[in-house]
Amino acid sequence: MFLTRIIFISLCLIPLPAFAGGQYLEPNAFIKQSFSAPLPKAKALWLTSPQRARIKKILAHDFKKLRLRYWQQDNKTAWILNEVGKDKPITIGVVINQGRIQSIKVLTFRESRGSEIRHDFFTRQFEQATLQDTLKLDRHIDGISGATLSVRAMTKISRIALYLDQQISAPQKPGTQ
């Protein structure tokens, strides 16, 4: 019995990696928060090769999806996208209104570090941001110490959402994308 207690206490003292992840907002709740009633139905954007190439340029890695779901009501679109932080995907919801970011939220965070990107003090930096012709945001986003990869993931997702919003708001003529 004494040996069992010693082993149990020893195991409790072994440091285990912290898991900062969690689901902060269900995708359906995000859509409900983003739009007034009646809620829009999900649509699909079938990506062309040039669009996928632009997304690949933003991500700096391959993008294999052929279509993406989005919601649209008047001049407002909502996108739920994933990007890997360090090892695991971060699910982020972005609302674009008239070509500007209205809000950006972390829906699910699966990494062990960097969950600070979900807080308002960080996400407020993205509000009203637009996309330049160079596929970069029109502003600098301050990082968070210890969350560099999560910050990069959220910045990339914001750029992709703005780019995709441009694609559905003002479709280009074939071959000019």
C-alpha atoms as a PDB file:
ATOM      1  CA  MET A   1       0.000   0.000   0.000  1.00  0.00           C
ATOM      2  CA  PHE A   2       2.822   2.361   0.888  1.00  0.00           C
ATOM      3  CA  LEU A   3       4.574   1.608  -2.419  1.00  0.00           C
ATOM      4  CA  THR A   4       1.346   2.295  -4.333  1.00  0.00           C
ATOM      5  CA  ARG A   5       1.038   5.735  -2.720  1.00  0.00           C
ATOM      6  CA  ILE A   6       4.660   6.583  -3.537  1.00  0.00           C
ATOM      7  CA  ILE A   7       4.165   5.577  -7.179  1.00  0.00           C
ATOM      8  CA  PHE A   8       0.902   7.546  -7.423  1.00  0.00           C
ATOM      9  CA  ILE A   9       2.438  10.693  -5.927  1.00  0.00           C
ATOM     10  CA  SER A  10       5.481  10.352  -8.186  1.00  0.00           C
ATOM     11  CA  LEU A  11       3.292  10.076 -11.270  1.00  0.00           C
ATOM     12  CA  CYS A  12       1.339  13.170 -10.248  1.00  0.00           C
ATOM     13  CA  LEU A  13       4.566  15.169 -10.059  1.00  0.00           C
ATOM     14  CA  ILE A  14       5.680  14.321 -13.606  1.00  0.00           C
ATOM     15  CA  PRO A  15       5.206  17.458 -15.681  1.00  0.00           C
ATOM     16  CA  LEU A  16       2.855  16.858 -18.579  1.00  0.00           C
ATOM     17  CA  PRO A  17       2.638  19.221 -21.545  1.00  0.00           C
ATOM     18  CA  ALA A  18      -0.061  21.807 -21.113  1.00  0.00           C
ATOM     19  CA  PHE A  19      -2.924  21.714 -23.580  1.00  0.00           C
ATOM     20  CA  ALA A  20      -4.281  25.170 -24.237  1.00  0.00           C
ATOM     21  CA  GLY A  21      -6.738  24.002 -26.856  1.00  0.00           C
ATOM     22  CA  GLY A  22     -10.474  23.879 -26.854  1.00  0.00           C
ATOM     23  CA  GLN A  23     -13.606  24.710 -28.744  1.00  0.00           C
ATOM     24  CA  TYR A  24     -14.535  28.279 -27.988  1.00  0.00           C
ATOM     25  CA  LEU A  25     -17.440  28.708 -30.377  1.00  0.00           C
ATOM     26  CA  GLU A  26     -19.464  26.219 -32.416  1.00  0.00           C
ATOM     27  CA  PRO A  27     -19.506  27.009 -36.152  1.00  0.00           C
ATOM     28  CA  ASN A  28     -23.323  27.293 -36.133  1.00  0.00           C
ATOM     29  CA  ALA A  29     -23.181  29.753 -33.234  1.00  0.00           C
ATOM     30  CA  PHE A  30     -20.575  31.792 -35.126  1.00  0.00           C
ATOM     31  CA  ILE A  31     -22.888  32.016 -38.154  1.00  0.00           C
ATOM     32  CA  LYS A  32     -25.843  33.009 -35.933  1.00  0.00           C
ATOM     33  CA  GLN A  33     -23.749  35.763 -34.318  1.00  0.00           C
ATOM     34  CA  SER A  34     -22.570  37.015 -37.701  1.00  0.00           C
ATOM     35  CA  PHE A  35     -25.888  37.489 -39.496  1.00  0.00           C
ATOM     36  CA  SER A  36     -29.351  38.801 -38.769  1.00  0.00           C
ATOM     37  CA  ALA A  37     -32.367  36.551 -39.263  1.00  0.00           C
ATOM     38  CA  PRO A  38     -33.179  34.899 -41.547  1.00  0.00           C
ATOM     39  CA  LEU A  39     -29.783  33.205 -41.614  1.00  0.00           C
ATOM     40  CA  PRO A  40     -28.277  32.641 -45.051  1.00  0.00           C
ATOM     41  CA  LYS A  41     -27.749  29.119 -46.322  1.00  0.00           C
ATOM     42  CA  ALA A  42     -24.234  27.849 -46.885  1.00  0.00           C
ATOM     43  CA  LYS A  43     -22.897  28.231 -50.412  1.00  0.00           C
ATOM     44  CA  ALA A  44     -19.916  26.609 -52.095  1.00  0.00           C
ATOM     45  CA  LEU A  45     -17.159  28.387 -53.969  1.00  0.00           C
ATOM     46  CA  TRP A  46     -15.517  26.063 -56.485  1.00  0.00           C
ATOM     47  CA  LEU A  47     -11.922  27.187 -56.744  1.00  0.00           C
ATOM     48  CA  THR A  48     -10.236  27.655 -60.092  1.00  0.00           C
ATOM     49  CA  SER A  49      -6.569  26.845 -60.629  1.00  0.00           C
ATOM     50  CA  PRO A  50      -5.561  30.545 -60.511  1.00  0.00           C
ATOM     51  CA  GLN A  51      -7.506  31.018 -57.251  1.00  0.00           C
ATOM     52  CA  ARG A  52      -5.842  27.972 -55.698  1.00  0.00           C
ATOM     53  CA  ALA A  53      -2.458  29.314 -56.826  1.00  0.00           C
ATOM     54  CA  ARG A  54      -3.144  32.667 -55.098  1.00  0.00           C
ATOM     55  CA  ILE A  55      -4.217  30.864 -51.918  1.00  0.00           C
ATOM     56  CA  LYS A  56      -1.051  28.759 -52.102  1.00  0.00           C
ATOM     57  CA  LYS A  57       0.955  31.987 -52.372  1.00  0.00           C
ATOM     58  CA  ILE A  58      -0.727  33.371 -49.242  1.00  0.00           C
ATOM     59  CA  LEU A  59      -0.271  30.147 -47.272  1.00  0.00           C
ATOM     60  CA  ALA A  60       3.261  29.440 -48.526  1.00  0.00           C
ATOM     61  CA  HIS A  61       2.285  25.766 -48.843  1.00  0.00           C
ATOM     62  CA  ASP A  62       0.010  23.613 -50.993  1.00  0.00           C
ATOM     63  CA  PHE A  63      -3.743  24.074 -50.780  1.00  0.00           C
ATOM     64  CA  LYS A  64      -5.579  20.956 -51.867  1.00  0.00           C
ATOM     65  CA  LYS A  65      -9.240  21.867 -51.420  1.00  0.00           C
ATOM     66  CA  LEU A  66     -11.359  22.283 -54.524  1.00  0.00           C
ATOM     67  CA  ARG A  67     -14.273  24.086 -52.892  1.00  0.00           C
ATOM     68  CA  LEU A  68     -14.948  26.130 -49.792  1.00  0.00           C
ATOM     69  CA  ARG A  69     -18.159  26.798 -47.897  1.00  0.00           C
ATOM     70  CA  TYR A  70     -19.223  30.318 -47.099  1.00  0.00           C
ATOM     71  CA  TRP A  71     -22.316  32.236 -46.045  1.00  0.00           C
ATOM     72  CA  GLN A  72     -23.466  35.475 -47.670  1.00  0.00           C
ATOM     73  CA  GLN A  73     -26.096  38.053 -46.814  1.00  0.00           C
ATOM     74  CA  ASP A  74     -26.050  41.265 -48.856  1.00  0.00           C
ATOM     75  CA  ASN A  75     -22.448  42.587 -48.808  1.00  0.00           C
ATOM     76  CA  LYS A  76     -21.407  40.436 -45.862  1.00  0.00           C
ATOM     77  CA  THR A  77     -19.705  37.035 -46.094  1.00  0.00           C
ATOM     78  CA  ALA A  78     -18.588  34.594 -43.425  1.00  0.00           C
ATOM     79  CA  TRP A  79     -15.848  32.019 -43.842  1.00  0.00           C
ATOM     80  CA  ILE A  80     -14.812  29.167 -41.563  1.00  0.00           C
ATOM     81  CA  LEU A  81     -11.286  28.121 -42.460  1.00  0.00           C
ATOM     82  CA  ASN A  82      -8.484  26.018 -40.976  1.00  0.00           C
ATOM     83  CA  GLU A  83      -4.755  26.620 -40.889  1.00  0.00           C
ATOM     84  CA  VAL A  84      -2.074  24.731 -39.023  1.00  0.00           C
ATOM     85  CA  GLY A  85      -0.302  26.681 -36.302  1.00  0.00           C
ATOM     86  CA  LYS A  86       2.650  24.543 -35.269  1.00  0.00           C
ATOM     87  CA  ASP A  87       1.301  21.003 -35.530  1.00  0.00           C
ATOM     88  CA  LYS A  88      -2.485  21.100 -35.476  1.00  0.00           C
ATOM     89  CA  PRO A  89      -5.208  23.019 -37.307  1.00  0.00           C
ATOM     90  CA  ILE A  90      -6.777  26.133 -35.848  1.00  0.00           C
ATOM     91  CA  THR A  91     -10.385  26.733 -36.945  1.00  0.00           C
ATOM     92  CA  ILE A  92     -11.056  30.424 -37.481  1.00  0.00           C
ATOM     93  CA  GLY A  93     -14.237  32.256 -38.455  1.00  0.00           C
ATOM     94  CA  VAL A  94     -13.927  35.507 -40.406  1.00  0.00           C
ATOM     95  CA  VAL A  95     -16.715  37.943 -41.277  1.00  0.00           C
ATOM     96  CA  ILE A  96     -16.083  40.297 -44.197  1.00  0.00           C
ATOM     97  CA  ASN A  97     -18.380  43.279 -44.742  1.00  0.00           C
ATOM     98  CA  GLN A  98     -17.907  45.383 -47.894  1.00  0.00           C
ATOM     99  CA  GLY A  99     -14.340  44.162 -48.374  1.00  0.00           C
ATOM    100  CA  ARG A 100     -13.236  44.792 -44.766  1.00  0.00           C
ATOM    101  CA  ILE A 101     -12.854  42.418 -41.852  1.00  0.00           C
ATOM    102  CA  GLN A 102     -15.763  42.968 -39.497  1.00  0.00           C
ATOM    103  CA  SER A 103     -14.728  40.282 -37.022  1.00  0.00           C
ATOM    104  CA  ILE A 104     -12.402  37.321 -36.666  1.00  0.00           C
ATOM    105  CA  LYS A 105     -12.766  34.609 -34.039  1.00  0.00           C
ATOM    106  CA  VAL A 106     -10.979  31.428 -33.062  1.00  0.00           C
ATOM    107  CA  LEU A 107     -13.620  28.710 -33.093  1.00  0.00           C
ATOM    108  CA  THR A 108     -11.411  25.727 -32.209  1.00  0.00           C
ATOM    109  CA  PHE A 109      -7.817  25.794 -31.021  1.00  0.00           C
ATOM    110  CA  ARG A 110      -5.940  22.495 -30.920  1.00  0.00           C
ATOM    111  CA  GLU A 111      -2.345  23.567 -30.233  1.00  0.00           C
ATOM    112  CA  SER A 112      -0.573  23.408 -26.876  1.00  0.00           C
ATOM    113  CA  ARG A 113       0.549  27.047 -27.049  1.00  0.00           C
ATOM    114  CA  GLY A 114      -0.630  30.262 -28.624  1.00  0.00           C
ATOM    115  CA  SER A 115      -4.296  30.280 -27.631  1.00  0.00           C
ATOM    116  CA  GLU A 116      -3.947  33.967 -26.727  1.00  0.00           C
ATOM    117  CA  ILE A 117      -4.891  34.756 -30.332  1.00  0.00           C
ATOM    118  CA  ARG A 118      -8.511  34.132 -29.370  1.00  0.00           C
ATOM    119  CA  HIS A 119      -8.692  37.166 -27.083  1.00  0.00           C
ATOM    120  CA  ASP A 120     -10.218  40.491 -28.125  1.00  0.00           C
ATOM    121  CA  PHE A 121      -7.026  42.430 -27.400  1.00  0.00           C
ATOM    122  CA  PHE A 122      -5.453  40.545 -30.307  1.00  0.00           C
ATOM    123  CA  THR A 123      -8.361  40.087 -32.734  1.00  0.00           C
ATOM    124  CA  ARG A 124      -9.326  43.795 -32.630  1.00  0.00           C
ATOM    125  CA  GLN A 125      -6.201  44.519 -34.710  1.00  0.00           C
ATOM    126  CA  PHE A 126      -7.867  42.837 -37.694  1.00  0.00           C
ATOM    127  CA  GLU A 127     -11.077  44.896 -37.607  1.00  0.00           C
ATOM    128  CA  GLN A 128     -11.577  46.983 -40.769  1.00  0.00           C
ATOM    129  CA  ALA A 129      -8.436  45.493 -42.370  1.00  0.00           C
ATOM    130  CA  THR A 130      -8.437  45.213 -46.156  1.00  0.00           C
ATOM    131  CA  LEU A 131      -6.357  43.291 -48.665  1.00  0.00           C
ATOM    132  CA  GLN A 132      -3.808  45.082 -50.819  1.00  0.00           C
ATOM    133  CA  ASP A 133      -3.021  44.099 -54.412  1.00  0.00           C
ATOM    134  CA  THR A 134       0.061  42.292 -53.078  1.00  0.00           C
ATOM    135  CA  LEU A 135      -2.246  39.932 -51.103  1.00  0.00           C
ATOM    136  CA  LYS A 136      -1.016  41.469 -47.826  1.00  0.00           C
ATOM    137  CA  LEU A 137      -3.102  43.174 -45.167  1.00  0.00           C
ATOM    138  CA  ASP A 138      -3.202  46.954 -45.205  1.00  0.00           C
ATOM    139  CA  ARG A 139      -1.777  47.037 -41.675  1.00  0.00           C
ATOM    140  CA  HIS A 140       0.838  45.448 -39.458  1.00  0.00           C
ATOM    141  CA  ILE A 141      -0.430  42.864 -36.972  1.00  0.00           C
ATOM    142  CA  ASP A 142       1.447  42.851 -33.665  1.00  0.00           C
ATOM    143  CA  GLY A 143       2.538  39.392 -32.582  1.00  0.00           C
ATOM    144  CA  ILE A 144       2.263  37.658 -29.244  1.00  0.00           C
ATOM    145  CA  SER A 145       5.373  36.317 -27.562  1.00  0.00           C
ATOM    146  CA  GLY A 146       5.246  32.517 -27.622  1.00  0.00           C
ATOM    147  CA  ALA A 147       2.414  32.448 -30.166  1.00  0.00           C
ATOM    148  CA  THR A 148       4.247  33.363 -33.369  1.00  0.00           C
ATOM    149  CA  LEU A 149       2.951  30.434 -35.431  1.00  0.00           C
ATOM    150  CA  SER A 150      -0.633  30.932 -34.239  1.00  0.00           C
ATOM    151  CA  VAL A 151      -0.428  34.634 -35.108  1.00  0.00           C
ATOM    152  CA  ARG A 152       0.856  33.753 -38.583  1.00  0.00           C
ATOM    153  CA  ALA A 153      -1.949  31.221 -39.059  1.00  0.00           C
ATOM    154  CA  MET A 154      -4.626  33.771 -38.140  1.00  0.00           C
ATOM    155  CA  THR A 155      -3.049  36.419 -40.367  1.00  0.00           C
ATOM    156  CA  LYS A 156      -2.973  34.013 -43.323  1.00  0.00           C
ATOM    157  CA  ILE A 157      -6.619  33.044 -42.759  1.00  0.00           C
ATOM    158  CA  SER A 158      -7.640  36.714 -42.657  1.00  0.00           C
ATOM    159  CA  ARG A 159      -5.863  37.323 -45.976  1.00  0.00           C
ATOM    160  CA  ILE A 160      -7.492  34.272 -47.576  1.00  0.00           C
ATOM    161  CA  ALA A 161     -10.969  35.302 -46.388  1.00  0.00           C
ATOM    162  CA  LEU A 162     -10.499  38.798 -47.825  1.00  0.00           C
ATOM    163  CA  TYR A 163      -9.235  37.343 -51.108  1.00  0.00           C
ATOM    164  CA  LEU A 164     -12.148  34.896 -51.364  1.00  0.00           C
ATOM    165  CA  ASP A 165     -14.627  37.664 -50.579  1.00  0.00           C
ATOM    166  CA  GLN A 166     -13.177  39.646 -53.500  1.00  0.00           C
ATOM    167  CA  GLN A 167     -13.637  36.619 -55.745  1.00  0.00           C
ATOM    168  CA  ILE A 168     -17.352  36.262 -55.031  1.00  0.00           C
ATOM    169  CA  SER A 169     -18.125  39.982 -54.720  1.00  0.00           C
ATOM    170  CA  ALA A 170     -16.691  41.035 -58.069  1.00  0.00           C
ATOM    171  CA  PRO A 171     -16.049  37.960 -60.203  1.00  0.00           C
ATOM    172  CA  GLN A 172     -13.216  38.430 -62.657  1.00  0.00           C
ATOM    173  CA  LYS A 173     -13.396  37.621 -66.326  1.00  0.00           C
ATOM    174  CA  PRO A 174     -11.879  34.241 -67.162  1.00  0.00           C
ATOM    175  CA  GLY A 175      -8.105  34.371 -67.315  1.00  0.00           C
ATOM    176  CA  THR A 176      -7.757  37.689 -65.432  1.00  0.00           C
ATOM    177  CA  GLN A 177      -7.600  36.380 -61.884  1.00  0.00           C
END
